[in-house]
Amino acid sequence: ELELANNLGQQLMTETLVAGDTTSLDTTIEYSGLRMVVVRDVSTDN
């Protein structure tokens, strides 16, 4: 679980930073057979 959560987190963080996606996210994702809740808060300041 920890390994899958880490992989998913790194993937989502990279996608967010590379794409410059500034939308917040609160969703459930099924990743490799495990259902996880992802909460992403994005803020821009200057």
All heavy atoms as atom14 arrays in JSON, in Angstrom:
{
  "sequence": "ELELANNLGQQLMTETLVAGDTTSLDTTIEYSGLRMVVVRDVSTDN",
  "atom14_mask": [
    [1, 1, 1, 1, 1, 1, 1, 1, 1, 0, 0, 0, 0, 0],
    [1, 1, 1, 1, 1, 1, 1, 1, 0, 0, 0, 0, 0, 0],
    [1, 1, 1, 1, 1, 1, 1, 1, 1, 0, 0, 0, 0, 0],
    [1, 1, 1, 1, 1, 1, 1, 1, 0, 0, 0, 0, 0, 0],
    [1, 1, 1, 1, 1, 0, 0, 0, 0, 0, 0, 0, 0, 0],
    [1, 1, 1, 1, 1, 1, 1, 1, 0, 0, 0, 0, 0, 0],
    [1, 1, 1, 1, 1, 1, 1, 1, 0, 0, 0, 0, 0, 0],
    [1, 1, 1, 1, 1, 1, 1, 1, 0, 0, 0, 0, 0, 0],
    [1, 1, 1, 1, 0, 0, 0, 0, 0, 0, 0, 0, 0, 0],
    [1, 1, 1, 1, 1, 1, 1, 1, 1, 0, 0, 0, 0, 0],
    [1, 1, 1, 1, 1, 1, 1, 1, 1, 0, 0, 0, 0, 0],
    [1, 1, 1, 1, 1, 1, 1, 1, 0, 0, 0, 0, 0, 0],
    [1, 1, 1, 1, 1, 1, 1, 1, 0, 0, 0, 0, 0, 0],
    [1, 1, 1, 1, 1, 1, 1, 0, 0, 0, 0, 0, 0, 0],
    [1, 1, 1, 1, 1, 1, 1, 1, 1, 0, 0, 0, 0, 0],
    [1, 1, 1, 1, 1, 1, 1, 0, 0, 0, 0, 0, 0, 0],
    [1, 1, 1, 1, 1, 1, 1, 1, 0, 0, 0, 0, 0, 0],
    [1, 1, 1, 1, 1, 1, 1, 0, 0, 0, 0, 0, 0, 0],
    [1, 1, 1, 1, 1, 0, 0, 0, 0, 0, 0, 0, 0, 0],
    [1, 1, 1, 1, 0, 0, 0, 0, 0, 0, 0, 0, 0, 0],
    [1, 1, 1, 1, 1, 1, 1, 1, 0, 0, 0, 0, 0, 0],
    [1, 1, 1, 1, 1, 1, 1, 0, 0, 0, 0, 0, 0, 0],
    [1, 1, 1, 1, 1, 1, 1, 0, 0, 0, 0, 0, 0, 0],
    [1, 1, 1, 1, 1, 1, 0, 0, 0, 0, 0, 0, 0, 0],
    [1, 1, 1, 1, 1, 1, 1, 1, 0, 0, 0, 0, 0, 0],
    [1, 1, 1, 1, 1, 1, 1, 1, 0, 0, 0, 0, 0, 0],
    [1, 1, 1, 1, 1, 1, 1, 0, 0, 0, 0, 0, 0, 0],
    [1, 1, 1, 1, 1, 1, 1, 0, 0, 0, 0, 0, 0, 0],
    [1, 1, 1, 1, 1, 1, 1, 1, 0, 0, 0, 0, 0, 0],
    [1, 1, 1, 1, 1, 1, 1, 1, 1, 0, 0, 0, 0, 0],
    [1, 1, 1, 1, 1, 1, 1, 1, 1, 1, 1, 1, 0, 0],
    [1, 1, 1, 1, 1, 1, 0, 0, 0, 0, 0, 0, 0, 0],
    [1, 1, 1, 1, 0, 0, 0, 0, 0, 0, 0, 0, 0, 0],
    [1, 1, 1, 1, 1, 1, 1, 1, 0, 0, 0, 0, 0, 0],
    [1, 1, 1, 1, 1, 1, 1, 1, 1, 1, 1, 0, 0, 0],
    [1, 1, 1, 1, 1, 1, 1, 1, 0, 0, 0, 0, 0, 0],
    [1, 1, 1, 1, 1, 1, 1, 0, 0, 0, 0, 0, 0, 0],
    [1, 1, 1, 1, 1, 1, 1, 0, 0, 0, 0, 0, 0, 0],
    [1, 1, 1, 1, 1, 1, 1, 0, 0, 0, 0, 0, 0, 0],
    [1, 1, 1, 1, 1, 1, 1, 1, 1, 1, 1, 0, 0, 0],
    [1, 1, 1, 1, 1, 1, 1, 1, 0, 0, 0, 0, 0, 0],
    [1, 1, 1, 1, 1, 1, 1, 0, 0, 0, 0, 0, 0, 0],
    [1, 1, 1, 1, 1, 1, 0, 0, 0, 0, 0, 0, 0, 0],
    [1, 1, 1, 1, 1, 1, 1, 0, 0, 0, 0, 0, 0, 0],
    [1, 1, 1, 1, 1, 1, 1, 1, 0, 0, 0, 0, 0, 0],
    [1, 1, 1, 1, 1, 1, 1, 1, 0, 0, 0, 0, 0, 0]
  ],
  "atom14_positions": [
    [[0.83, -1.22, 0.0], [0.0, 0.0, 0.0], [0.86, 1.25, 0.0], [0.59, 2.19, -0.74], [-0.9, 0.03, 1.24], [-2.19, -0.68, 1.11], [-3.03, -0.53, 2.36], [-2.47, -0.52, 3.47], [-4.25, -0.42, 2.22], [0.0, 0.0, 0.0], [0.0, 0.0, 0.0], [0.0, 0.0, 0.0], [0.0, 0.0, 0.0], [0.0, 0.0, 0.0]],
    [[1.87, 1.27, 0.84], [2.74, 2.44, 0.91], [3.49, 2.65, -0.4], [3.64, 3.79, -0.86], [3.72, 2.3, 2.08], [3.11, 2.36, 3.46], [4.15, 2.06, 4.52], [2.48, 3.72, 3.72], [0.0, 0.0, 0.0], [0.0, 0.0, 0.0], [0.0, 0.0, 0.0], [0.0, 0.0, 0.0], [0.0, 0.0, 0.0], [0.0, 0.0, 0.0]],
    [[3.94, 1.58, -1.0], [4.66, 1.7, -2.27], [3.74, 2.21, -3.37], [4.12, 3.09, -4.15], [5.24, 0.34, -2.65], [6.13, 0.37, -3.87], [6.76, -0.98, -4.16], [7.18, -1.65, -3.21], [6.81, -1.34, -5.35], [0.0, 0.0, 0.0], [0.0, 0.0, 0.0], [0.0, 0.0, 0.0], [0.0, 0.0, 0.0], [0.0, 0.0, 0.0]],
    [[2.53, 1.66, -3.45], [1.59, 2.13, -4.47], [1.17, 3.57, -4.25], [1.06, 4.35, -5.2], [0.36, 1.22, -4.51], [0.59, -0.19, -5.06], [-0.67, -1.03, -4.91], [1.01, -0.13, -6.51], [0.0, 0.0, 0.0], [0.0, 0.0, 0.0], [0.0, 0.0, 0.0], [0.0, 0.0, 0.0], [0.0, 0.0, 0.0], [0.0, 0.0, 0.0]],
    [[0.96, 3.95, -2.98], [0.6, 5.34, -2.67], [1.74, 6.27, -3.04], [1.52, 7.37, -3.57], [0.25, 5.47, -1.2], [0.0, 0.0, 0.0], [0.0, 0.0, 0.0], [0.0, 0.0, 0.0], [0.0, 0.0, 0.0], [0.0, 0.0, 0.0], [0.0, 0.0, 0.0], [0.0, 0.0, 0.0], [0.0, 0.0, 0.0], [0.0, 0.0, 0.0]],
    [[2.97, 5.86, -2.77], [4.12, 6.68, -3.12], [4.24, 6.84, -4.63], [4.46, 7.94, -5.14], [5.4, 6.07, -2.55], [6.6, 6.94, -2.8], [6.54, 8.15, -2.69], [7.7, 6.32, -3.14], [0.0, 0.0, 0.0], [0.0, 0.0, 0.0], [0.0, 0.0, 0.0], [0.0, 0.0, 0.0], [0.0, 0.0, 0.0], [0.0, 0.0, 0.0]],
    [[4.08, 5.75, -5.38], [4.15, 5.82, -6.84], [3.05, 6.72, -7.4], [3.31, 7.55, -8.27], [4.04, 4.42, -7.45], [5.26, 3.57, -7.18], [6.32, 4.08, -6.82], [5.12, 2.27, -7.34], [0.0, 0.0, 0.0], [0.0, 0.0, 0.0], [0.0, 0.0, 0.0], [0.0, 0.0, 0.0], [0.0, 0.0, 0.0], [0.0, 0.0, 0.0]],
    [[1.84, 6.55, -6.9], [0.72, 7.38, -7.36], [0.97, 8.84, -7.01], [0.74, 9.74, -7.83], [-0.59, 6.89, -6.74], [-1.83, 7.7, -7.08], [-2.12, 7.67, -8.58], [-3.04, 7.19, -6.31], [0.0, 0.0, 0.0], [0.0, 0.0, 0.0], [0.0, 0.0, 0.0], [0.0, 0.0, 0.0], [0.0, 0.0, 0.0], [0.0, 0.0, 0.0]],
    [[1.43, 9.09, -5.81], [1.69, 10.47, -5.38], [2.77, 11.14, -6.23], [2.61, 12.29, -6.64], [0.0, 0.0, 0.0], [0.0, 0.0, 0.0], [0.0, 0.0, 0.0], [0.0, 0.0, 0.0], [0.0, 0.0, 0.0], [0.0, 0.0, 0.0], [0.0, 0.0, 0.0], [0.0, 0.0, 0.0], [0.0, 0.0, 0.0], [0.0, 0.0, 0.0]],
    [[3.86, 10.42, -6.49], [4.92, 10.99, -7.33], [4.42, 11.25, -8.75], [4.74, 12.28, -9.36], [6.13, 10.04, -7.37], [6.84, 9.89, -6.05], [7.5, 11.17, -5.6], [7.87, 12.02, -6.4], [7.61, 11.32, -4.3], [0.0, 0.0, 0.0], [0.0, 0.0, 0.0], [0.0, 0.0, 0.0], [0.0, 0.0, 0.0], [0.0, 0.0, 0.0]],
    [[3.6, 10.33, -9.27], [3.04, 10.5, -10.61], [2.12, 11.72, -10.67], [2.24, 12.54, -11.58], [2.29, 9.24, -11.01], [1.63, 9.29, -12.36], [0.83, 8.02, -12.65], [0.97, 7.02, -11.96], [-0.01, 8.08, -13.66], [0.0, 0.0, 0.0], [0.0, 0.0, 0.0], [0.0, 0.0, 0.0], [0.0, 0.0, 0.0], [0.0, 0.0, 0.0]],
    [[1.23, 11.85, -9.7], [0.3, 12.99, -9.7], [1.03, 14.3, -9.47], [0.69, 15.33, -10.06], [-0.77, 12.79, -8.63], [-1.79, 11.69, -8.9], [-2.7, 11.49, -7.69], [-2.63, 12.04, -10.12], [0.0, 0.0, 0.0], [0.0, 0.0, 0.0], [0.0, 0.0, 0.0], [0.0, 0.0, 0.0], [0.0, 0.0, 0.0], [0.0, 0.0, 0.0]],
    [[2.05, 14.3, -8.61], [2.82, 15.51, -8.34], [3.55, 15.95, -9.61], [3.54, 17.13, -9.96], [3.8, 15.27, -7.2], [4.6, 16.49, -6.8], [3.61, 17.83, -6.09], [3.33, 17.19, -4.46], [0.0, 0.0, 0.0], [0.0, 0.0, 0.0], [0.0, 0.0, 0.0], [0.0, 0.0, 0.0], [0.0, 0.0, 0.0], [0.0, 0.0, 0.0]],
    [[4.16, 15.01, -10.3], [4.88, 15.34, -11.54], [3.93, 15.87, -12.6], [4.22, 16.88, -13.25], [5.61, 14.09, -12.07], [6.49, 13.62, -11.05], [6.4, 14.41, -13.32], [0.0, 0.0, 0.0], [0.0, 0.0, 0.0], [0.0, 0.0, 0.0], [0.0, 0.0, 0.0], [0.0, 0.0, 0.0], [0.0, 0.0, 0.0], [0.0, 0.0, 0.0]],
    [[2.78, 15.2, -12.76], [1.8, 15.67, -13.74], [1.32, 17.08, -13.4], [1.14, 17.92, -14.29], [0.61, 14.72, -13.8], [0.9, 13.38, -14.45], [-0.26, 12.41, -14.35], [-1.33, 12.8, -13.82], [-0.1, 11.27, -14.8], [0.0, 0.0, 0.0], [0.0, 0.0, 0.0], [0.0, 0.0, 0.0], [0.0, 0.0, 0.0], [0.0, 0.0, 0.0]],
    [[1.1, 17.33, -12.12], [0.61, 18.65, -11.7], [1.65, 19.73, -11.97], [1.34, 20.79, -12.5], [0.25, 18.63, -10.2], [-0.74, 17.65, -9.98], [-0.28, 19.97, -9.76], [0.0, 0.0, 0.0], [0.0, 0.0, 0.0], [0.0, 0.0, 0.0], [0.0, 0.0, 0.0], [0.0, 0.0, 0.0], [0.0, 0.0, 0.0], [0.0, 0.0, 0.0]],
    [[2.9, 19.46, -11.61], [3.95, 20.47, -11.77], [4.31, 20.68, -13.24], [4.53, 21.82, -13.67], [5.18, 20.07, -10.97], [5.0, 20.06, -9.45], [6.25, 19.54, -8.78], [4.64, 21.43, -8.93], [0.0, 0.0, 0.0], [0.0, 0.0, 0.0], [0.0, 0.0, 0.0], [0.0, 0.0, 0.0], [0.0, 0.0, 0.0], [0.0, 0.0, 0.0]],
    [[4.37, 19.62, -14.02], [4.75, 19.75, -15.43], [3.64, 20.45, -16.22], [3.91, 21.33, -17.03], [5.08, 18.37, -16.04], [5.19, 18.44, -17.55], [6.36, 17.83, -15.44], [0.0, 0.0, 0.0], [0.0, 0.0, 0.0], [0.0, 0.0, 0.0], [0.0, 0.0, 0.0], [0.0, 0.0, 0.0], [0.0, 0.0, 0.0], [0.0, 0.0, 0.0]],
    [[2.41, 20.05, -15.96], [1.29, 20.63, -16.71], [0.9, 22.01, -16.17], [0.19, 22.75, -16.84], [0.08, 19.71, -16.65], [0.0, 0.0, 0.0], [0.0, 0.0, 0.0], [0.0, 0.0, 0.0], [0.0, 0.0, 0.0], [0.0, 0.0, 0.0], [0.0, 0.0, 0.0], [0.0, 0.0, 0.0], [0.0, 0.0, 0.0], [0.0, 0.0, 0.0]],
    [[1.35, 22.34, -14.98], [0.96, 23.62, -14.38], [-0.51, 23.66, -14.04], [-1.14, 24.71, -14.05], [0.0, 0.0, 0.0], [0.0, 0.0, 0.0], [0.0, 0.0, 0.0], [0.0, 0.0, 0.0], [0.0, 0.0, 0.0], [0.0, 0.0, 0.0], [0.0, 0.0, 0.0], [0.0, 0.0, 0.0], [0.0, 0.0, 0.0], [0.0, 0.0, 0.0]],
    [[-1.08, 22.49, -13.75], [-2.5, 22.37, -13.43], [-2.78, 23.03, -12.08], [-2.24, 22.62, -11.06], [-2.88, 20.89, -13.39], [-4.37, 20.67, -13.25], [-5.12, 21.67, -13.28], [-4.78, 19.51, -13.13], [0.0, 0.0, 0.0], [0.0, 0.0, 0.0], [0.0, 0.0, 0.0], [0.0, 0.0, 0.0], [0.0, 0.0, 0.0], [0.0, 0.0, 0.0]],
    [[-3.61, 24.05, -12.05], [-3.87, 24.8, -10.82], [-5.23, 24.47, -10.21], [-5.69, 25.18, -9.33], [-3.79, 26.32, -11.08], [-4.75, 26.66, -12.09], [-2.41, 26.71, -11.5], [0.0, 0.0, 0.0], [0.0, 0.0, 0.0], [0.0, 0.0, 0.0], [0.0, 0.0, 0.0], [0.0, 0.0, 0.0], [0.0, 0.0, 0.0], [0.0, 0.0, 0.0]],
    [[-5.85, 23.38, -10.66], [-7.14, 23.0, -10.09], [-6.93, 22.06, -8.91], [-6.07, 21.19, -8.95], [-8.03, 22.3, -11.14], [-7.36, 21.13, -11.61], [-8.33, 23.23, -12.3], [0.0, 0.0, 0.0], [0.0, 0.0, 0.0], [0.0, 0.0, 0.0], [0.0, 0.0, 0.0], [0.0, 0.0, 0.0], [0.0, 0.0, 0.0], [0.0, 0.0, 0.0]],
    [[-7.72, 22.26, -7.88], [-7.67, 21.36, -6.74], [-8.45, 20.09, -7.08], [-9.3, 20.09, -7.96], [-8.23, 22.03, -5.5], [-7.4, 23.09, -5.11], [0.0, 0.0, 0.0], [0.0, 0.0, 0.0], [0.0, 0.0, 0.0], [0.0, 0.0, 0.0], [0.0, 0.0, 0.0], [0.0, 0.0, 0.0], [0.0, 0.0, 0.0], [0.0, 0.0, 0.0]],
    [[-8.16, 19.03, -6.33], [-8.73, 17.73, -6.67], [-9.09, 17.01, -5.38], [-8.35, 17.05, -4.41], [-7.69, 16.91, -7.46], [-8.01, 15.5, -7.85], [-9.08, 15.5, -8.94], [-6.76, 14.81, -8.37], [0.0, 0.0, 0.0], [0.0, 0.0, 0.0], [0.0, 0.0, 0.0], [0.0, 0.0, 0.0], [0.0, 0.0, 0.0], [0.0, 0.0, 0.0]],
    [[-10.26, 16.38, -5.37], [-10.68, 15.54, -4.25], [-11.47, 14.39, -4.87], [-12.64, 14.53, -5.17], [-11.54, 16.35, -3.28], [-11.85, 15.59, -2.01], [-11.39, 14.44, -1.87], [-12.55, 16.15, -1.15], [0.0, 0.0, 0.0], [0.0, 0.0, 0.0], [0.0, 0.0, 0.0], [0.0, 0.0, 0.0], [0.0, 0.0, 0.0], [0.0, 0.0, 0.0]],
    [[-10.8, 13.26, -5.05], [-11.42, 12.16, -5.77], [-10.92, 10.82, -5.25], [-9.95, 10.75, -4.52], [-11.11, 12.27, -7.29], [-11.85, 11.29, -7.98], [-9.64, 12.09, -7.57], [0.0, 0.0, 0.0], [0.0, 0.0, 0.0], [0.0, 0.0, 0.0], [0.0, 0.0, 0.0], [0.0, 0.0, 0.0], [0.0, 0.0, 0.0], [0.0, 0.0, 0.0]],
    [[-11.61, 9.77, -5.65], [-11.2, 8.4, -5.33], [-10.63, 7.77, -6.59], [-11.24, 7.84, -7.65], [-12.4, 7.58, -4.81], [-12.94, 8.21, -3.66], [-11.98, 6.17, -4.46], [0.0, 0.0, 0.0], [0.0, 0.0, 0.0], [0.0, 0.0, 0.0], [0.0, 0.0, 0.0], [0.0, 0.0, 0.0], [0.0, 0.0, 0.0], [0.0, 0.0, 0.0]],
    [[-9.46, 7.15, -6.43], [-8.78, 6.54, -7.57], [-8.51, 5.08, -7.24], [-8.1, 4.75, -6.13], [-7.44, 7.26, -7.86], [-7.7, 8.69, -8.31], [-6.63, 6.5, -8.89], [-6.45, 9.49, -8.56], [0.0, 0.0, 0.0], [0.0, 0.0, 0.0], [0.0, 0.0, 0.0], [0.0, 0.0, 0.0], [0.0, 0.0, 0.0], [0.0, 0.0, 0.0]],
    [[-8.77, 4.2, -8.22], [-8.38, 2.81, -8.06], [-7.06, 2.64, -8.8], [-6.95, 2.87, -10.0], [-9.43, 1.86, -8.64], [-9.08, 0.43, -8.35], [-10.25, -0.51, -8.53], [-11.4, -0.05, -8.54], [-10.0, -1.71, -8.68], [0.0, 0.0, 0.0], [0.0, 0.0, 0.0], [0.0, 0.0, 0.0], [0.0, 0.0, 0.0], [0.0, 0.0, 0.0]],
    [[-6.04, 2.27, -8.04], [-4.69, 2.17, -8.58], [-4.13, 0.81, -8.21], [-3.95, 0.51, -7.04], [-3.83, 3.31, -8.0], [-2.44, 3.43, -8.55], [-2.22, 3.91, -9.83], [-1.35, 3.06, -7.78], [-0.94, 4.03, -10.33], [-0.07, 3.18, -8.28], [0.13, 3.67, -9.55], [1.4, 3.79, -10.04], [0.0, 0.0, 0.0], [0.0, 0.0, 0.0]],
    [[-3.88, -0.03, -9.19], [-3.36, -1.38, -9.0], [-4.19, -2.2, -8.02], [-3.67, -2.89, -7.15], [-1.91, -1.34, -8.53], [-1.09, -0.82, -9.54], [0.0, 0.0, 0.0], [0.0, 0.0, 0.0], [0.0, 0.0, 0.0], [0.0, 0.0, 0.0], [0.0, 0.0, 0.0], [0.0, 0.0, 0.0], [0.0, 0.0, 0.0], [0.0, 0.0, 0.0]],
    [[-5.5, -2.07, -8.12], [-6.4, -2.87, -7.29], [-6.72, -2.28, -5.93], [-7.52, -2.85, -5.2], [0.0, 0.0, 0.0], [0.0, 0.0, 0.0], [0.0, 0.0, 0.0], [0.0, 0.0, 0.0], [0.0, 0.0, 0.0], [0.0, 0.0, 0.0], [0.0, 0.0, 0.0], [0.0, 0.0, 0.0], [0.0, 0.0, 0.0], [0.0, 0.0, 0.0]],
    [[-6.13, -1.15, -5.57], [-6.42, -0.5, -4.29], [-7.16, 0.8, -4.53], [-6.81, 1.57, -5.42], [-5.13, -0.21, -3.52], [-4.37, -1.41, -3.01], [-3.05, -0.96, -2.42], [-5.17, -2.15, -1.98], [0.0, 0.0, 0.0], [0.0, 0.0, 0.0], [0.0, 0.0, 0.0], [0.0, 0.0, 0.0], [0.0, 0.0, 0.0], [0.0, 0.0, 0.0]],
    [[-8.19, 1.04, -3.72], [-8.95, 2.28, -3.84], [-8.41, 3.28, -2.83], [-8.36, 3.01, -1.64], [-10.43, 2.03, -3.63], [-11.02, 1.15, -4.74], [-12.49, 0.93, -4.6], [-13.28, 2.15, -4.62], [-13.64, 2.82, -5.72], [-13.27, 2.4, -6.89], [-14.39, 3.9, -5.64], [0.0, 0.0, 0.0], [0.0, 0.0, 0.0], [0.0, 0.0, 0.0]],
    [[-7.96, 4.43, -3.36], [-7.36, 5.47, -2.52], [-8.03, 6.81, -2.79], [-8.45, 7.09, -3.92], [-5.87, 5.57, -2.82], [-5.09, 4.33, -2.46], [-3.35, 4.5, -2.82], [-3.22, 3.52, -4.29], [0.0, 0.0, 0.0], [0.0, 0.0, 0.0], [0.0, 0.0, 0.0], [0.0, 0.0, 0.0], [0.0, 0.0, 0.0], [0.0, 0.0, 0.0]],
    [[-8.13, 7.59, -1.74], [-8.69, 8.94, -1.84], [-7.52, 9.91, -2.02], [-6.57, 9.9, -1.24], [-9.5, 9.3, -0.58], [-9.99, 10.73, -0.66], [-10.66, 8.33, -0.41], [0.0, 0.0, 0.0], [0.0, 0.0, 0.0], [0.0, 0.0, 0.0], [0.0, 0.0, 0.0], [0.0, 0.0, 0.0], [0.0, 0.0, 0.0], [0.0, 0.0, 0.0]],
    [[-7.61, 10.72, -3.07], [-6.57, 11.7, -3.37], [-7.13, 13.09, -3.13], [-8.18, 13.44, -3.68], [-6.08, 11.56, -4.83], [-5.05, 12.62, -5.16], [-5.54, 10.17, -5.07], [0.0, 0.0, 0.0], [0.0, 0.0, 0.0], [0.0, 0.0, 0.0], [0.0, 0.0, 0.0], [0.0, 0.0, 0.0], [0.0, 0.0, 0.0], [0.0, 0.0, 0.0]],
    [[-6.43, 13.86, -2.31], [-6.81, 15.26, -2.07], [-5.62, 16.11, -2.49], [-4.52, 15.98, -1.95], [-7.15, 15.52, -0.59], [-7.46, 16.98, -0.37], [-8.3, 14.63, -0.15], [0.0, 0.0, 0.0], [0.0, 0.0, 0.0], [0.0, 0.0, 0.0], [0.0, 0.0, 0.0], [0.0, 0.0, 0.0], [0.0, 0.0, 0.0], [0.0, 0.0, 0.0]],
    [[-5.84, 16.96, -3.5], [-4.78, 17.83, -4.0], [-5.23, 19.27, -3.86], [-6.27, 19.66, -4.39], [-4.49, 17.5, -5.47], [-3.4, 18.4, -6.06], [-3.13, 18.05, -7.5], [-4.28, 18.4, -8.33], [-4.41, 18.03, -9.6], [-3.5, 17.3, -10.18], [-5.48, 18.38, -10.28], [0.0, 0.0, 0.0], [0.0, 0.0, 0.0], [0.0, 0.0, 0.0]],
    [[-4.44, 20.05, -3.14], [-4.69, 21.48, -3.01], [-3.58, 22.22, -3.74], [-2.4, 22.03, -3.45], [-4.71, 21.91, -1.53], [-5.9, 21.34, -0.78], [-6.99, 21.31, -1.38], [-5.73, 20.94, 0.38], [0.0, 0.0, 0.0], [0.0, 0.0, 0.0], [0.0, 0.0, 0.0], [0.0, 0.0, 0.0], [0.0, 0.0, 0.0], [0.0, 0.0, 0.0]],
    [[-3.99, 23.05, -4.69], [-3.02, 23.81, -5.48], [-3.3, 25.28, -5.26], [-4.45, 25.73, -5.32], [-3.14, 23.46, -6.99], [-2.13, 24.25, -7.79], [-2.97, 21.97, -7.2], [0.0, 0.0, 0.0], [0.0, 0.0, 0.0], [0.0, 0.0, 0.0], [0.0, 0.0, 0.0], [0.0, 0.0, 0.0], [0.0, 0.0, 0.0], [0.0, 0.0, 0.0]],
    [[-2.25, 26.04, -4.99], [-2.42, 27.48, -4.82], [-1.29, 28.2, -5.54], [-0.18, 27.69, -5.66], [-2.43, 27.86, -3.34], [-1.21, 27.52, -2.74], [0.0, 0.0, 0.0], [0.0, 0.0, 0.0], [0.0, 0.0, 0.0], [0.0, 0.0, 0.0], [0.0, 0.0, 0.0], [0.0, 0.0, 0.0], [0.0, 0.0, 0.0], [0.0, 0.0, 0.0]],
    [[-1.62, 29.37, -6.05], [-0.62, 30.2, -6.7], [-0.53, 31.51, -5.94], [-1.54, 32.1, -5.56], [-0.99, 30.48, -8.17], [-2.3, 31.03, -8.21], [-0.94, 29.21, -8.99], [0.0, 0.0, 0.0], [0.0, 0.0, 0.0], [0.0, 0.0, 0.0], [0.0, 0.0, 0.0], [0.0, 0.0, 0.0], [0.0, 0.0, 0.0], [0.0, 0.0, 0.0]],
    [[0.69, 31.91, -5.69], [0.93, 33.16, -4.97], [2.06, 33.88, -5.69], [3.22, 33.45, -5.64], [1.31, 32.85, -3.51], [1.54, 34.11, -2.7], [0.91, 35.14, -3.03], [2.33, 34.06, -1.75], [0.0, 0.0, 0.0], [0.0, 0.0, 0.0], [0.0, 0.0, 0.0], [0.0, 0.0, 0.0], [0.0, 0.0, 0.0], [0.0, 0.0, 0.0]],
    [[1.71, 34.96, -6.37], [2.66, 35.72, -7.2], [3.31, 34.79, -8.22], [2.67, 34.34, -9.14], [3.7, 36.43, -6.33], [3.05, 37.49, -5.46], [2.01, 38.03, -5.8], [3.67, 37.78, -4.34], [0.0, 0.0, 0.0], [0.0, 0.0, 0.0], [0.0, 0.0, 0.0], [0.0, 0.0, 0.0], [0.0, 0.0, 0.0], [0.0, 0.0, 0.0]]
  ]
}
